[in-house]
Every structure is written in structure tokens, then in C-alpha cells.
Amino acid sequence: MTALLLFVLLIGFCVMAAVFLLASRGVNRRGAWLGLAAIVLAAPFFFWLGAFSEQFTAGQCYTATIHSIANAVAATDDPAGLAGQIRALPLHGYETACPQVKAAAVKLPHAYVR
């Protein structure tokens, strides 16, 4: 995912720089380089903003998933059976895809009972 984000950032930077250089044809050389430098210096900020947004979205997904699992644990009559179902959730370490885990977690018995 990060590689794709970096690739999109690079393409976006090149397009933005090309548009800026075409738009600044009549401006003196110093102004054009100053504008290009501003674009280059702003690129890491936008990358960070995109990465933060992705982490925030993933955090919201995991919060909802944990909430569903906690509800199932709180309302269970069969702890051993539920433990087996929780162990069967598609958890794969750092490669875990939250939407898959969330889809499996909401299928647990009493997952949305408050």
C-alpha cells in the first residue's frame, strides 16, 4: 500500500510541477524555481497527510471490530465455543486486513448486542 501511495505521490508531483512550469512561462527564472521548490517542499507534507488518513481509517475499523468481539464475549453462554471462533478469525500479523476481520467478527454470536 505504501509503495502505491509513493507512486501516486510521484506522479502527482510530476503533474503539479509540469503544470506549474507551463503556467509560469512568463515569470522570471528565479520565481519559477522558487515556485518549484515550494512544490517539492510541500510534497512530504501531503504524503504524511495521506498516511495519517489511512492510519486513522484503519484505527476506526479495528475499533469497531474489537467492539464487536467484546460484545460477543460479554454475551456468550459458550466460552469455549466462542474462543474457537475467535481463534478462527483471519488474523495474519502485520498482513491482517481489517475489513476481512470485521466481516468475520460481526458473524460471531451476539456481536452487536449491547
PDB file of N, CA and C in Angstrom:
ATOM      1  N   MET A   1       0.829  -1.191   0.000  1.00  0.00           N
ATOM      2  CA  MET A   1       0.000   0.000   0.000  1.00  0.00           C
ATOM      3  C   MET A   1       0.876   1.258   0.000  1.00  0.00           C
ATOM      4  N   THR A   2       1.942   1.234   0.778  1.00  0.00           N
ATOM      5  CA  THR A   2       2.821   2.400   0.843  1.00  0.00           C
ATOM      6  C   THR A   2       3.507   2.626  -0.503  1.00  0.00           C
ATOM      7  N   ALA A   3       3.886   1.543  -1.180  1.00  0.00           N
ATOM      8  CA  ALA A   3       4.522   1.688  -2.490  1.00  0.00           C
ATOM      9  C   ALA A   3       3.569   2.351  -3.483  1.00  0.00           C
ATOM     10  N   LEU A   4       2.308   1.960  -3.441  1.00  0.00           N
ATOM     11  CA  LEU A   4       1.312   2.572  -4.317  1.00  0.00           C
ATOM     12  C   LEU A   4       1.136   4.053  -3.976  1.00  0.00           C
ATOM     13  N   LEU A   5       1.112   4.353  -2.685  1.00  0.00           N
ATOM     14  CA  LEU A   5       0.975   5.743  -2.252  1.00  0.00           C
ATOM     15  C   LEU A   5       2.167   6.578  -2.713  1.00  0.00           C
ATOM     16  N   LEU A   6       3.376   6.018  -2.610  1.00  0.00           N
ATOM     17  CA  LEU A   6       4.570   6.732  -3.070  1.00  0.00           C
ATOM     18  C   LEU A   6       4.538   6.933  -4.587  1.00  0.00           C
ATOM     19  N   PHE A   7       4.075   5.928  -5.316  1.00  0.00           N
ATOM     20  CA  PHE A   7       3.983   6.036  -6.766  1.00  0.00           C
ATOM     21  C   PHE A   7       2.992   7.128  -7.168  1.00  0.00           C
ATOM     22  N   VAL A   8       1.842   7.141  -6.533  1.00  0.00           N
ATOM     23  CA  VAL A   8       0.830   8.163  -6.820  1.00  0.00           C
ATOM     24  C   VAL A   8       1.364   9.545  -6.447  1.00  0.00           C
ATOM     25  N   LEU A   9       2.092   9.624  -5.333  1.00  0.00           N
ATOM     26  CA  LEU A   9       2.692  10.894  -4.926  1.00  0.00           C
ATOM     27  C   LEU A   9       3.673  11.388  -5.978  1.00  0.00           C
ATOM     28  N   LEU A  10       4.499  10.486  -6.498  1.00  0.00           N
ATOM     29  CA  LEU A  10       5.474  10.857  -7.519  1.00  0.00           C
ATOM     30  C   LEU A  10       4.794  11.348  -8.787  1.00  0.00           C
ATOM     31  N   ILE A  11       3.765  10.645  -9.232  1.00  0.00           N
ATOM     32  CA  ILE A  11       3.031  11.068 -10.435  1.00  0.00           C
ATOM     33  C   ILE A  11       2.355  12.417 -10.192  1.00  0.00           C
ATOM     34  N   GLY A  12       1.726  12.563  -9.032  1.00  0.00           N
ATOM     35  CA  GLY A  12       1.082  13.833  -8.702  1.00  0.00           C
ATOM     36  C   GLY A  12       2.076  14.980  -8.660  1.00  0.00           C
ATOM     37  N   PHE A  13       3.254  14.718  -8.102  1.00  0.00           N
ATOM     38  CA  PHE A  13       4.290  15.743  -8.049  1.00  0.00           C
ATOM     39  C   PHE A  13       4.728  16.139  -9.451  1.00  0.00           C
ATOM     40  N   CYS A  14       4.955  15.157 -10.320  1.00  0.00           N
ATOM     41  CA  CYS A  14       5.396  15.464 -11.681  1.00  0.00           C
ATOM     42  C   CYS A  14       4.337  16.259 -12.446  1.00  0.00           C
ATOM     43  N   VAL A  15       3.081  15.881 -12.298  1.00  0.00           N
ATOM     44  CA  VAL A  15       1.999  16.608 -12.975  1.00  0.00           C
ATOM     45  C   VAL A  15       1.905  18.035 -12.434  1.00  0.00           C
ATOM     46  N   MET A  16       1.975  18.171 -11.098  1.00  0.00           N
ATOM     47  CA  MET A  16       1.883  19.503 -10.494  1.00  0.00           C
ATOM     48  C   MET A  16       3.069  20.379 -10.921  1.00  0.00           C
ATOM     49  N   ALA A  17       4.262  19.803 -10.958  1.00  0.00           N
ATOM     50  CA  ALA A  17       5.436  20.566 -11.379  1.00  0.00           C
ATOM     51  C   ALA A  17       5.335  20.966 -12.846  1.00  0.00           C
ATOM     52  N   ALA A  18       4.871  20.057 -13.691  1.00  0.00           N
ATOM     53  CA  ALA A  18       4.734  20.381 -15.117  1.00  0.00           C
ATOM     54  C   ALA A  18       3.699  21.480 -15.333  1.00  0.00           C
ATOM     55  N   VAL A  19       2.573  21.385 -14.655  1.00  0.00           N
ATOM     56  CA  VAL A  19       1.539  22.420 -14.777  1.00  0.00           C
ATOM     57  C   VAL A  19       2.087  23.756 -14.288  1.00  0.00           C
ATOM     58  N   PHE A  20       2.807  23.730 -13.177  1.00  0.00           N
ATOM     59  CA  PHE A  20       3.371  24.977 -12.660  1.00  0.00           C
ATOM     60  C   PHE A  20       4.368  25.572 -13.651  1.00  0.00           C
ATOM     61  N   LEU A  21       5.259  24.743 -14.187  1.00  0.00           N
ATOM     62  CA  LEU A  21       6.262  25.271 -15.120  1.00  0.00           C
ATOM     63  C   LEU A  21       5.610  25.806 -16.392  1.00  0.00           C
ATOM     64  N   LEU A  22       4.549  25.158 -16.863  1.00  0.00           N
ATOM     65  CA  LEU A  22       3.841  25.678 -18.036  1.00  0.00           C
ATOM     66  C   LEU A  22       3.136  26.988 -17.712  1.00  0.00           C
ATOM     67  N   ALA A  23       2.575  27.090 -16.520  1.00  0.00           N
ATOM     68  CA  ALA A  23       1.857  28.309 -16.138  1.00  0.00           C
ATOM     69  C   ALA A  23       2.798  29.465 -15.850  1.00  0.00           C
ATOM     70  N   SER A  24       4.032  29.157 -15.502  1.00  0.00           N
ATOM     71  CA  SER A  24       4.964  30.237 -15.127  1.00  0.00           C
ATOM     72  C   SER A  24       5.933  30.563 -16.249  1.00  0.00           C
ATOM     73  N   ARG A  25       5.547  30.343 -17.485  1.00  0.00           N
ATOM     74  CA  ARG A  25       6.434  30.638 -18.619  1.00  0.00           C
ATOM     75  C   ARG A  25       6.829  32.107 -18.690  1.00  0.00           C
ATOM     76  N   GLY A  26       5.927  32.991 -18.368  1.00  0.00           N
ATOM     77  CA  GLY A  26       6.240  34.414 -18.472  1.00  0.00           C
ATOM     78  C   GLY A  26       6.929  34.984 -17.238  1.00  0.00           C
ATOM     79  N   VAL A  27       7.055  34.209 -16.196  1.00  0.00           N
ATOM     80  CA  VAL A  27       7.663  34.670 -14.944  1.00  0.00           C
ATOM     81  C   VAL A  27       9.177  34.527 -15.055  1.00  0.00           C
ATOM     82  N   ASN A  28       9.884  35.393 -14.298  1.00  0.00           N
ATOM     83  CA  ASN A  28      11.340  35.294 -14.359  1.00  0.00           C
ATOM     84  C   ASN A  28      11.822  33.942 -13.817  1.00  0.00           C
ATOM     85  N   ARG A  29      13.040  33.605 -14.133  1.00  0.00           N
ATOM     86  CA  ARG A  29      13.604  32.290 -13.805  1.00  0.00           C
ATOM     87  C   ARG A  29      13.645  32.051 -12.296  1.00  0.00           C
ATOM     88  N   ARG A  30      13.975  33.068 -11.534  1.00  0.00           N
ATOM     89  CA  ARG A  30      14.049  32.932 -10.076  1.00  0.00           C
ATOM     90  C   ARG A  30      12.673  32.588  -9.486  1.00  0.00           C
ATOM     91  N   GLY A  31      11.630  33.237  -9.973  1.00  0.00           N
ATOM     92  CA  GLY A  31      10.276  32.968  -9.488  1.00  0.00           C
ATOM     93  C   GLY A  31       9.824  31.555  -9.811  1.00  0.00           C
ATOM     94  N   ALA A  32      10.188  31.085 -11.001  1.00  0.00           N
ATOM     95  CA  ALA A  32       9.810  29.729 -11.389  1.00  0.00           C
ATOM     96  C   ALA A  32      10.493  28.698 -10.494  1.00  0.00           C
ATOM     97  N   TRP A  33      11.777  28.885 -10.226  1.00  0.00           N
ATOM     98  CA  TRP A  33      12.494  27.933  -9.364  1.00  0.00           C
ATOM     99  C   TRP A  33      11.995  28.006  -7.928  1.00  0.00           C
ATOM    100  N   LEU A  34      11.628  29.188  -7.480  1.00  0.00           N
ATOM    101  CA  LEU A  34      11.091  29.333  -6.122  1.00  0.00           C
ATOM    102  C   LEU A  34       9.751  28.603  -6.006  1.00  0.00           C
ATOM    103  N   GLY A  35       8.908  28.723  -7.011  1.00  0.00           N
ATOM    104  CA  GLY A  35       7.626  28.011  -7.010  1.00  0.00           C
ATOM    105  C   GLY A  35       7.820  26.502  -7.072  1.00  0.00           C
ATOM    106  N   LEU A  36       8.768  26.058  -7.883  1.00  0.00           N
ATOM    107  CA  LEU A  36       9.060  24.632  -7.980  1.00  0.00           C
ATOM    108  C   LEU A  36       9.593  24.101  -6.649  1.00  0.00           C
ATOM    109  N   ALA A  37      10.437  24.894  -5.990  1.00  0.00           N
ATOM    110  CA  ALA A  37      10.954  24.491  -4.671  1.00  0.00           C
ATOM    111  C   ALA A  37       9.822  24.392  -3.653  1.00  0.00           C
ATOM    112  N   ALA A  38       8.851  25.280  -3.732  1.00  0.00           N
ATOM    113  CA  ALA A  38       7.701  25.218  -2.816  1.00  0.00           C
ATOM    114  C   ALA A  38       6.908  23.933  -3.025  1.00  0.00           C
ATOM    115  N   ILE A  39       6.748  23.533  -4.278  1.00  0.00           N
ATOM    116  CA  ILE A  39       6.047  22.281  -4.562  1.00  0.00           C
ATOM    117  C   ILE A  39       6.830  21.098  -4.005  1.00  0.00           C
ATOM    118  N   VAL A  40       8.138  21.087  -4.203  1.00  0.00           N
ATOM    119  CA  VAL A  40       8.980  19.991  -3.707  1.00  0.00           C
ATOM    120  C   VAL A  40       8.929  19.923  -2.182  1.00  0.00           C
ATOM    121  N   LEU A  41       8.950  21.065  -1.515  1.00  0.00           N
ATOM    122  CA  LEU A  41       8.916  21.075  -0.056  1.00  0.00           C
ATOM    123  C   LEU A  41       7.546  20.709   0.504  1.00  0.00           C
ATOM    124  N   ALA A  42       6.494  20.934  -0.270  1.00  0.00           N
ATOM    125  CA  ALA A  42       5.145  20.596   0.200  1.00  0.00           C
ATOM    126  C   ALA A  42       4.814  19.115   0.015  1.00  0.00           C
ATOM    127  N   ALA A  43       5.496  18.427  -0.881  1.00  0.00           N
ATOM    128  CA  ALA A  43       5.184  17.025  -1.178  1.00  0.00           C
ATOM    129  C   ALA A  43       5.243  16.122   0.053  1.00  0.00           C
ATOM    130  N   PRO A  44       6.279  16.207   0.902  1.00  0.00           N
ATOM    131  CA  PRO A  44       6.294  15.329   2.087  1.00  0.00           C
ATOM    132  C   PRO A  44       5.114  15.575   3.025  1.00  0.00           C
ATOM    133  N   PHE A  45       4.657  16.804   3.127  1.00  0.00           N
ATOM    134  CA  PHE A  45       3.511  17.110   3.980  1.00  0.00           C
ATOM    135  C   PHE A  45       2.269  16.382   3.487  1.00  0.00           C
ATOM    136  N   PHE A  46       2.045  16.407   2.175  1.00  0.00           N
ATOM    137  CA  PHE A  46       0.860  15.747   1.633  1.00  0.00           C
ATOM    138  C   PHE A  46       0.975  14.227   1.734  1.00  0.00           C
ATOM    139  N   PHE A  47       2.192  13.695   1.609  1.00  0.00           N
ATOM    140  CA  PHE A  47       2.394  12.261   1.821  1.00  0.00           C
ATOM    141  C   PHE A  47       2.054  11.898   3.267  1.00  0.00           C
ATOM    142  N   TRP A  48       2.547  12.691   4.210  1.00  0.00           N
ATOM    143  CA  TRP A  48       2.268  12.441   5.626  1.00  0.00           C
ATOM    144  C   TRP A  48       0.767  12.529   5.892  1.00  0.00           C
ATOM    145  N   LEU A  49       0.109  13.504   5.305  1.00  0.00           N
ATOM    146  CA  LEU A  49      -1.330  13.669   5.484  1.00  0.00           C
ATOM    147  C   LEU A  49      -2.088  12.449   4.970  1.00  0.00           C
ATOM    148  N   GLY A  50      -1.696  11.928   3.826  1.00  0.00           N
ATOM    149  CA  GLY A  50      -2.330  10.731   3.290  1.00  0.00           C
ATOM    150  C   GLY A  50      -2.077   9.505   4.153  1.00  0.00           C
ATOM    151  N   ALA A  51      -0.853   9.369   4.655  1.00  0.00           N
ATOM    152  CA  ALA A  51      -0.529   8.234   5.520  1.00  0.00           C
ATOM    153  C   ALA A  51      -1.305   8.318   6.830  1.00  0.00           C
ATOM    154  N   PHE A  52      -1.429   9.514   7.389  1.00  0.00           N
ATOM    155  CA  PHE A  52      -2.191   9.688   8.622  1.00  0.00           C
ATOM    156  C   PHE A  52      -3.654   9.339   8.405  1.00  0.00           C
ATOM    157  N   SER A  53      -4.191   9.761   7.267  1.00  0.00           N
ATOM    158  CA  SER A  53      -5.588   9.465   6.951  1.00  0.00           C
ATOM    159  C   SER A  53      -5.821   7.958   6.862  1.00  0.00           C
ATOM    160  N   GLU A  54      -4.895   7.258   6.235  1.00  0.00           N
ATOM    161  CA  GLU A  54      -5.016   5.799   6.112  1.00  0.00           C
ATOM    162  C   GLU A  54      -4.944   5.133   7.484  1.00  0.00           C
ATOM    163  N   GLN A  55      -4.045   5.592   8.349  1.00  0.00           N
ATOM    164  CA  GLN A  55      -3.929   5.023   9.687  1.00  0.00           C
ATOM    165  C   GLN A  55      -5.187   5.305  10.499  1.00  0.00           C
ATOM    166  N   PHE A  56      -5.751   6.477  10.348  1.00  0.00           N
ATOM    167  CA  PHE A  56      -6.965   6.827  11.088  1.00  0.00           C
ATOM    168  C   PHE A  56      -8.116   5.919  10.669  1.00  0.00           C
ATOM    169  N   THR A  57      -8.251   5.689   9.364  1.00  0.00           N
ATOM    170  CA  THR A  57      -9.312   4.823   8.857  1.00  0.00           C
ATOM    171  C   THR A  57      -9.135   3.390   9.365  1.00  0.00           C
ATOM    172  N   ALA A  58      -7.895   2.911   9.342  1.00  0.00           N
ATOM    173  CA  ALA A  58      -7.621   1.559   9.846  1.00  0.00           C
ATOM    174  C   ALA A  58      -7.913   1.487  11.340  1.00  0.00           C
ATOM    175  N   GLY A  59      -7.578   2.533  12.077  1.00  0.00           N
ATOM    176  CA  GLY A  59      -7.862   2.561  13.514  1.00  0.00           C
ATOM    177  C   GLY A  59      -9.346   2.498  13.798  1.00  0.00           C
ATOM    178  N   GLN A  60     -10.145   3.185  13.008  1.00  0.00           N
ATOM    179  CA  GLN A  60     -11.601   3.147  13.181  1.00  0.00           C
ATOM    180  C   GLN A  60     -12.132   1.745  12.893  1.00  0.00           C
ATOM    181  N   CYS A  61     -11.581   1.096  11.888  1.00  0.00           N
ATOM    182  CA  CYS A  61     -12.013  -0.262  11.538  1.00  0.00           C
ATOM    183  C   CYS A  61     -11.693  -1.226  12.681  1.00  0.00           C
ATOM    184  N   TYR A  62     -10.478  -1.148  13.205  1.00  0.00           N
ATOM    185  CA  TYR A  62     -10.097  -2.055  14.289  1.00  0.00           C
ATOM    186  C   TYR A  62     -10.904  -1.773  15.557  1.00  0.00           C
ATOM    187  N   THR A  63     -11.238  -0.515  15.815  1.00  0.00           N
ATOM    188  CA  THR A  63     -12.058  -0.184  16.978  1.00  0.00           C
ATOM    189  C   THR A  63     -13.431  -0.845  16.868  1.00  0.00           C
ATOM    190  N   ALA A  64     -14.047  -0.747  15.711  1.00  0.00           N
ATOM    191  CA  ALA A  64     -15.362  -1.371  15.502  1.00  0.00           C
ATOM    192  C   ALA A  64     -15.266  -2.886  15.612  1.00  0.00           C
ATOM    193  N   THR A  65     -14.190  -3.461  15.101  1.00  0.00           N
ATOM    194  CA  THR A  65     -14.004  -4.908  15.157  1.00  0.00           C
ATOM    195  C   THR A  65     -13.848  -5.383  16.593  1.00  0.00           C
ATOM    196  N   ILE A  66     -13.016  -4.702  17.359  1.00  0.00           N
ATOM    197  CA  ILE A  66     -12.808  -5.073  18.765  1.00  0.00           C
ATOM    198  C   ILE A  66     -14.096  -4.910  19.557  1.00  0.00           C
ATOM    199  N   HIS A  67     -14.872  -3.892  19.233  1.00  0.00           N
ATOM    200  CA  HIS A  67     -16.163  -3.682  19.888  1.00  0.00           C
ATOM    201  C   HIS A  67     -17.092  -4.871  19.632  1.00  0.00           C
ATOM    202  N   SER A  68     -17.136  -5.340  18.390  1.00  0.00           N
ATOM    203  CA  SER A  68     -17.978  -6.494  18.057  1.00  0.00           C
ATOM    204  C   SER A  68     -17.524  -7.741  18.810  1.00  0.00           C
ATOM    205  N   ILE A  69     -16.218  -7.965  18.866  1.00  0.00           N
ATOM    206  CA  ILE A  69     -15.694  -9.137  19.577  1.00  0.00           C
ATOM    207  C   ILE A  69     -15.991  -9.033  21.065  1.00  0.00           C
ATOM    208  N   ALA A  70     -15.816  -7.848  21.634  1.00  0.00           N
ATOM    209  CA  ALA A  70     -16.091  -7.654  23.057  1.00  0.00           C
ATOM    210  C   ALA A  70     -17.569  -7.897  23.374  1.00  0.00           C
ATOM    211  N   ASN A  71     -18.457  -7.441  22.500  1.00  0.00           N
ATOM    212  CA  ASN A  71     -19.890  -7.702  22.701  1.00  0.00           C
ATOM    213  C   ASN A  71     -20.183  -9.197  22.671  1.00  0.00           C
ATOM    214  N   ALA A  72     -19.551  -9.907  21.750  1.00  0.00           N
ATOM    215  CA  ALA A  72     -19.765 -11.354  21.665  1.00  0.00           C
ATOM    216  C   ALA A  72     -19.260 -12.057  22.918  1.00  0.00           C
ATOM    217  N   VAL A  73     -18.119 -11.619  23.422  1.00  0.00           N
ATOM    218  CA  VAL A  73     -17.557 -12.230  24.641  1.00  0.00           C
ATOM    219  C   VAL A  73     -18.448 -11.936  25.839  1.00  0.00           C
ATOM    220  N   ALA A  74     -18.941 -10.730  25.938  1.00  0.00           N
ATOM    221  CA  ALA A  74     -19.771 -10.344  27.087  1.00  0.00           C
ATOM    222  C   ALA A  74     -21.095 -11.095  27.121  1.00  0.00           C
ATOM    223  N   ALA A  75     -21.636 -11.453  25.965  1.00  0.00           N
ATOM    224  CA  ALA A  75     -22.967 -12.062  25.925  1.00  0.00           C
ATOM    225  C   ALA A  75     -22.947 -13.572  25.685  1.00  0.00           C
ATOM    226  N   THR A  76     -21.773 -14.190  25.720  1.00  0.00           N
ATOM    227  CA  THR A  76     -21.706 -15.612  25.371  1.00  0.00           C
ATOM    228  C   THR A  76     -22.162 -16.529  26.504  1.00  0.00           C
ATOM    229  N   ASP A  77     -22.753 -17.645  26.097  1.00  0.00           N
ATOM    230  CA  ASP A  77     -23.109 -18.713  27.030  1.00  0.00           C
ATOM    231  C   ASP A  77     -22.161 -19.899  26.851  1.00  0.00           C
ATOM    232  N   ASP A  78     -21.352 -19.839  25.805  1.00  0.00           N
ATOM    233  CA  ASP A  78     -20.437 -20.931  25.478  1.00  0.00           C
ATOM    234  C   ASP A  78     -19.024 -20.367  25.275  1.00  0.00           C
ATOM    235  N   PRO A  79     -18.270 -20.112  26.367  1.00  0.00           N
ATOM    236  CA  PRO A  79     -16.944 -19.501  26.234  1.00  0.00           C
ATOM    237  C   PRO A  79     -15.977 -20.334  25.391  1.00  0.00           C
ATOM    238  N   ALA A  80     -16.019 -21.648  25.539  1.00  0.00           N
ATOM    239  CA  ALA A  80     -15.085 -22.488  24.782  1.00  0.00           C
ATOM    240  C   ALA A  80     -15.384 -22.425  23.282  1.00  0.00           C
ATOM    241  N   GLY A  81     -16.647 -22.471  22.917  1.00  0.00           N
ATOM    242  CA  GLY A  81     -17.021 -22.378  21.500  1.00  0.00           C
ATOM    243  C   GLY A  81     -16.669 -21.030  20.912  1.00  0.00           C
ATOM    244  N   LEU A  82     -16.920 -19.968  21.681  1.00  0.00           N
ATOM    245  CA  LEU A  82     -16.595 -18.628  21.206  1.00  0.00           C
ATOM    246  C   LEU A  82     -15.088 -18.453  21.080  1.00  0.00           C
ATOM    247  N   ALA A  83     -14.328 -19.021  22.007  1.00  0.00           N
ATOM    248  CA  ALA A  83     -12.868 -18.926  21.919  1.00  0.00           C
ATOM    249  C   ALA A  83     -12.372 -19.557  20.623  1.00  0.00           C
ATOM    250  N   GLY A  84     -12.953 -20.674  20.244  1.00  0.00           N
ATOM    251  CA  GLY A  84     -12.590 -21.313  18.975  1.00  0.00           C
ATOM    252  C   GLY A  84     -12.927 -20.444  17.782  1.00  0.00           C
ATOM    253  N   GLN A  85     -14.078 -19.785  17.840  1.00  0.00           N
ATOM    254  CA  GLN A  85     -14.468 -18.898  16.737  1.00  0.00           C
ATOM    255  C   GLN A  85     -13.547 -17.681  16.663  1.00  0.00           C
ATOM    256  N   ILE A  86     -13.149 -17.174  17.822  1.00  0.00           N
ATOM    257  CA  ILE A  86     -12.243 -16.017  17.820  1.00  0.00           C
ATOM    258  C   ILE A  86     -10.872 -16.428  17.288  1.00  0.00           C
ATOM    259  N   ARG A  87     -10.412 -17.620  17.661  1.00  0.00           N
ATOM    260  CA  ARG A  87      -9.129 -18.107  17.134  1.00  0.00           C
ATOM    261  C   ARG A  87      -9.185 -18.310  15.622  1.00  0.00           C
ATOM    262  N   ALA A  88     -10.360 -18.561  15.088  1.00  0.00           N
ATOM    263  CA  ALA A  88     -10.525 -18.790  13.648  1.00  0.00           C
ATOM    264  C   ALA A  88     -10.634 -17.494  12.846  1.00  0.00           C
ATOM    265  N   LEU A  89     -10.635 -16.341  13.517  1.00  0.00           N
ATOM    266  CA  LEU A  89     -10.700 -15.076  12.784  1.00  0.00           C
ATOM    267  C   LEU A  89      -9.471 -14.954  11.884  1.00  0.00           C
ATOM    268  N   PRO A  90      -9.606 -14.307  10.729  1.00  0.00           N
ATOM    269  CA  PRO A  90      -8.483 -14.216   9.779  1.00  0.00           C
ATOM    270  C   PRO A  90      -7.417 -13.205  10.216  1.00  0.00           C
ATOM    271  N   LEU A  91      -6.687 -13.556  11.250  1.00  0.00           N
ATOM    272  CA  LEU A  91      -5.609 -12.697  11.757  1.00  0.00           C
ATOM    273  C   LEU A  91      -4.275 -13.223  11.231  1.00  0.00           C
ATOM    274  N   HIS A  92      -3.515 -12.360  10.557  1.00  0.00           N
ATOM    275  CA  HIS A  92      -2.260 -12.765   9.930  1.00  0.00           C
ATOM    276  C   HIS A  92      -1.139 -11.785  10.261  1.00  0.00           C
ATOM    277  N   GLY A  93      -1.033 -11.368  11.500  1.00  0.00           N
ATOM    278  CA  GLY A  93       0.034 -10.439  11.896  1.00  0.00           C
ATOM    279  C   GLY A  93      -0.088  -9.109  11.184  1.00  0.00           C
ATOM    280  N   TYR A  94       1.037  -8.599  10.708  1.00  0.00           N
ATOM    281  CA  TYR A  94       1.026  -7.286  10.056  1.00  0.00           C
ATOM    282  C   TYR A  94       0.328  -7.315   8.700  1.00  0.00           C
ATOM    283  N   GLU A  95       0.049  -8.488   8.166  1.00  0.00           N
ATOM    284  CA  GLU A  95      -0.652  -8.591   6.894  1.00  0.00           C
ATOM    285  C   GLU A  95      -2.169  -8.691   7.066  1.00  0.00           C
ATOM    286  N   THR A  96      -2.657  -8.547   8.291  1.00  0.00           N
ATOM    287  CA  THR A  96      -4.083  -8.650   8.556  1.00  0.00           C
ATOM    288  C   THR A  96      -4.836  -7.528   7.844  1.00  0.00           C
ATOM    289  N   ALA A  97      -5.907  -7.891   7.172  1.00  0.00           N
ATOM    290  CA  ALA A  97      -6.777  -6.910   6.513  1.00  0.00           C
ATOM    291  C   ALA A  97      -7.993  -6.705   7.410  1.00  0.00           C
ATOM    292  N   CYS A  98      -8.118  -5.521   7.966  1.00  0.00           N
ATOM    293  CA  CYS A  98      -9.190  -5.247   8.919  1.00  0.00           C
ATOM    294  C   CYS A  98     -10.584  -5.520   8.361  1.00  0.00           C
ATOM    295  N   PRO A  99     -10.903  -5.134   7.129  1.00  0.00           N
ATOM    296  CA  PRO A  99     -12.256  -5.415   6.637  1.00  0.00           C
ATOM    297  C   PRO A  99     -12.611  -6.903   6.666  1.00  0.00           C
ATOM    298  N   GLN A 100     -11.637  -7.770   6.414  1.00  0.00           N
ATOM    299  CA  GLN A 100     -11.896  -9.214   6.478  1.00  0.00           C
ATOM    300  C   GLN A 100     -12.170  -9.654   7.907  1.00  0.00           C
ATOM    301  N   VAL A 101     -11.386  -9.138   8.847  1.00  0.00           N
ATOM    302  CA  VAL A 101     -11.573  -9.490  10.262  1.00  0.00           C
ATOM    303  C   VAL A 101     -12.912  -8.958  10.743  1.00  0.00           C
ATOM    304  N   LYS A 102     -13.248  -7.729  10.341  1.00  0.00           N
ATOM    305  CA  LYS A 102     -14.513  -7.135  10.768  1.00  0.00           C
ATOM    306  C   LYS A 102     -15.697  -7.931  10.233  1.00  0.00           C
ATOM    307  N   ALA A 103     -15.620  -8.358   8.967  1.00  0.00           N
ATOM    308  CA  ALA A 103     -16.705  -9.152   8.379  1.00  0.00           C
ATOM    309  C   ALA A 103     -16.878 -10.470   9.122  1.00  0.00           C
ATOM    310  N   ALA A 104     -15.776 -11.075   9.554  1.00  0.00           N
ATOM    311  CA  ALA A 104     -15.861 -12.324  10.309  1.00  0.00           C
ATOM    312  C   ALA A 104     -16.326 -12.078  11.738  1.00  0.00           C
ATOM    313  N   ALA A 105     -15.910 -10.954  12.325  1.00  0.00           N
ATOM    314  CA  ALA A 105     -16.260 -10.662  13.718  1.00  0.00           C
ATOM    315  C   ALA A 105     -17.752 -10.382  13.891  1.00  0.00           C
ATOM    316  N   VAL A 106     -18.371  -9.741  12.921  1.00  0.00           N
ATOM    317  CA  VAL A 106     -19.803  -9.442  13.055  1.00  0.00           C
ATOM    318  C   VAL A 106     -20.653 -10.699  12.938  1.00  0.00           C
ATOM    319  N   LYS A 107     -20.069 -11.788  12.447  1.00  0.00           N
ATOM    320  CA  LYS A 107     -20.790 -13.058  12.361  1.00  0.00           C
ATOM    321  C   LYS A 107     -20.736 -13.844  13.674  1.00  0.00           C
ATOM    322  N   LEU A 108     -19.930 -13.380  14.631  1.00  0.00           N
ATOM    323  CA  LEU A 108     -19.885 -14.042  15.935  1.00  0.00           C
ATOM    324  C   LEU A 108     -21.245 -13.893  16.605  1.00  0.00           C
ATOM    325  N   PRO A 109     -21.649 -14.878  17.414  1.00  0.00           N
ATOM    326  CA  PRO A 109     -22.953 -14.757  18.089  1.00  0.00           C
ATOM    327  C   PRO A 109     -22.968 -13.569  19.051  1.00  0.00           C
ATOM    328  N   HIS A 110     -24.016 -12.779  19.005  1.00  0.00           N
ATOM    329  CA  HIS A 110     -24.221 -11.613  19.886  1.00  0.00           C
ATOM    330  C   HIS A 110     -23.174 -10.521  19.652  1.00  0.00           C
ATOM    331  N   ALA A 111     -22.623 -10.424  18.465  1.00  0.00           N
ATOM    332  CA  ALA A 111     -21.573  -9.438  18.208  1.00  0.00           C
ATOM    333  C   ALA A 111     -22.091  -8.006  18.328  1.00  0.00           C
ATOM    334  N   TYR A 112     -23.367  -7.781  18.016  1.00  0.00           N
ATOM    335  CA  TYR A 112     -23.890  -6.426  18.098  1.00  0.00           C
ATOM    336  C   TYR A 112     -24.873  -6.227  19.216  1.00  0.00           C
ATOM    337  N   VAL A 113     -24.922  -7.140  20.162  1.00  0.00           N
ATOM    338  CA  VAL A 113     -25.790  -6.985  21.335  1.00  0.00           C
ATOM    339  C   VAL A 113     -25.086  -6.080  22.331  1.00  0.00           C
ATOM    340  N   ARG A 114     -25.769  -5.075  22.818  1.00  0.00           N
ATOM    341  CA  ARG A 114     -25.115  -4.154  23.774  1.00  0.00           C
ATOM    342  C   ARG A 114     -25.471  -4.520  25.186  1.00  0.00           C
TER     343      ARG A 114
END
